[in-house]
Amino acid sequence: MCGRYALFRWTPAFAALPGFPADQQAQWNISPADWVLIMRAAENADGIELVRARWGLTP
């Protein structure tokens, strides 16, 4: 499985979320095991949050 992708633009709504880094750079070659910014349901409250997570599957 290749599993590579690029993250080079985001919506203004995504960029306005708390925790979005002001210096977020485009990532053109994201491969499994790279750390990426993701949006998920907040664990301790209603709404959503931005966190860093590893991309890919661990066997």
C-alpha atoms as a PDB file:
ATOM      1  CA  MET A   1       0.000   0.000   0.000  1.00  0.00           C
ATOM      2  CA  CYS A   2       1.456   3.337  -0.989  1.00  0.00           C
ATOM      3  CA  GLY A   3      -0.881   5.522   1.062  1.00  0.00           C
ATOM      4  CA  ARG A   4       0.758   8.809   0.116  1.00  0.00           C
ATOM      5  CA  TYR A   5      -1.145  12.046  -0.301  1.00  0.00           C
ATOM      6  CA  ALA A   6      -0.661  15.817  -0.339  1.00  0.00           C
ATOM      7  CA  LEU A   7      -2.115  18.525   1.877  1.00  0.00           C
ATOM      8  CA  PHE A   8      -1.482  21.828   0.177  1.00  0.00           C
ATOM      9  CA  ARG A   9      -4.618  23.893   0.770  1.00  0.00           C
ATOM     10  CA  TRP A  10      -7.360  24.092   3.365  1.00  0.00           C
ATOM     11  CA  THR A  11     -10.647  25.887   3.734  1.00  0.00           C
ATOM     12  CA  PRO A  12     -10.886  29.143   5.691  1.00  0.00           C
ATOM     13  CA  ALA A  13     -13.185  27.353   8.171  1.00  0.00           C
ATOM     14  CA  PHE A  14     -10.477  24.734   8.846  1.00  0.00           C
ATOM     15  CA  ALA A  15      -7.802  27.415   9.230  1.00  0.00           C
ATOM     16  CA  ALA A  16     -10.008  29.351  11.696  1.00  0.00           C
ATOM     17  CA  LEU A  17     -10.238  26.441  14.161  1.00  0.00           C
ATOM     18  CA  PRO A  18      -8.439  26.862  17.499  1.00  0.00           C
ATOM     19  CA  GLY A  19      -5.083  25.127  17.374  1.00  0.00           C
ATOM     20  CA  PHE A  20      -4.476  25.652  13.643  1.00  0.00           C
ATOM     21  CA  PRO A  21      -0.801  26.649  13.328  1.00  0.00           C
ATOM     22  CA  ALA A  22      -0.306  30.111  11.852  1.00  0.00           C
ATOM     23  CA  ASP A  23       2.811  28.831  10.067  1.00  0.00           C
ATOM     24  CA  GLN A  24       1.199  25.692   8.584  1.00  0.00           C
ATOM     25  CA  GLN A  25       3.090  24.790   5.417  1.00  0.00           C
ATOM     26  CA  ALA A  26       1.919  22.761   2.440  1.00  0.00           C
ATOM     27  CA  GLN A  27       2.919  19.090   2.625  1.00  0.00           C
ATOM     28  CA  TRP A  28       3.400  17.573  -0.834  1.00  0.00           C
ATOM     29  CA  ASN A  29       4.520  14.041   0.026  1.00  0.00           C
ATOM     30  CA  ILE A  30       2.815  12.700   3.143  1.00  0.00           C
ATOM     31  CA  SER A  31       3.669   9.044   3.591  1.00  0.00           C
ATOM     32  CA  PRO A  32       2.679   6.411   6.168  1.00  0.00           C
ATOM     33  CA  ALA A  33       4.173   7.138   9.612  1.00  0.00           C
ATOM     34  CA  ASP A  34       4.333  10.928   8.992  1.00  0.00           C
ATOM     35  CA  TRP A  35       2.710  13.250  11.520  1.00  0.00           C
ATOM     36  CA  VAL A  36      -0.211  15.230  10.083  1.00  0.00           C
ATOM     37  CA  LEU A  37      -2.796  17.699  11.338  1.00  0.00           C
ATOM     38  CA  ILE A  38      -6.263  16.146  11.628  1.00  0.00           C
ATOM     39  CA  MET A  39      -9.691  17.327  12.697  1.00  0.00           C
ATOM     40  CA  ARG A  40     -11.671  15.064  15.046  1.00  0.00           C
ATOM     41  CA  ALA A  41     -14.546  15.126  17.499  1.00  0.00           C
ATOM     42  CA  ALA A  42     -13.398  16.674  20.772  1.00  0.00           C
ATOM     43  CA  GLU A  43     -12.796  14.105  23.506  1.00  0.00           C
ATOM     44  CA  ASN A  44     -13.927  16.162  26.487  1.00  0.00           C
ATOM     45  CA  ALA A  45     -16.470  18.571  24.998  1.00  0.00           C
ATOM     46  CA  ASP A  46     -18.890  19.066  22.176  1.00  0.00           C
ATOM     47  CA  GLY A  47     -17.420  20.238  18.914  1.00  0.00           C
ATOM     48  CA  ILE A  48     -14.212  19.502  17.079  1.00  0.00           C
ATOM     49  CA  GLU A  49     -10.495  19.839  17.743  1.00  0.00           C
ATOM     50  CA  LEU A  50      -7.264  19.842  15.765  1.00  0.00           C
ATOM     51  CA  VAL A  51      -4.538  17.400  16.761  1.00  0.00           C
ATOM     52  CA  ARG A  52      -1.446  15.837  15.234  1.00  0.00           C
ATOM     53  CA  ALA A  53      -1.618  12.128  14.469  1.00  0.00           C
ATOM     54  CA  ARG A  54       0.448   9.544  12.614  1.00  0.00           C
ATOM     55  CA  TRP A  55      -0.809   8.717   9.137  1.00  0.00           C
ATOM     56  CA  GLY A  56      -1.141   5.057   8.169  1.00  0.00           C
ATOM     57  CA  LEU A  57      -1.990   1.644   9.548  1.00  0.00           C
ATOM     58  CA  THR A  58      -0.011  -0.251  12.157  1.00  0.00           C
ATOM     59  CA  PRO A  59      -0.136  -4.006  11.605  1.00  0.00           C
END
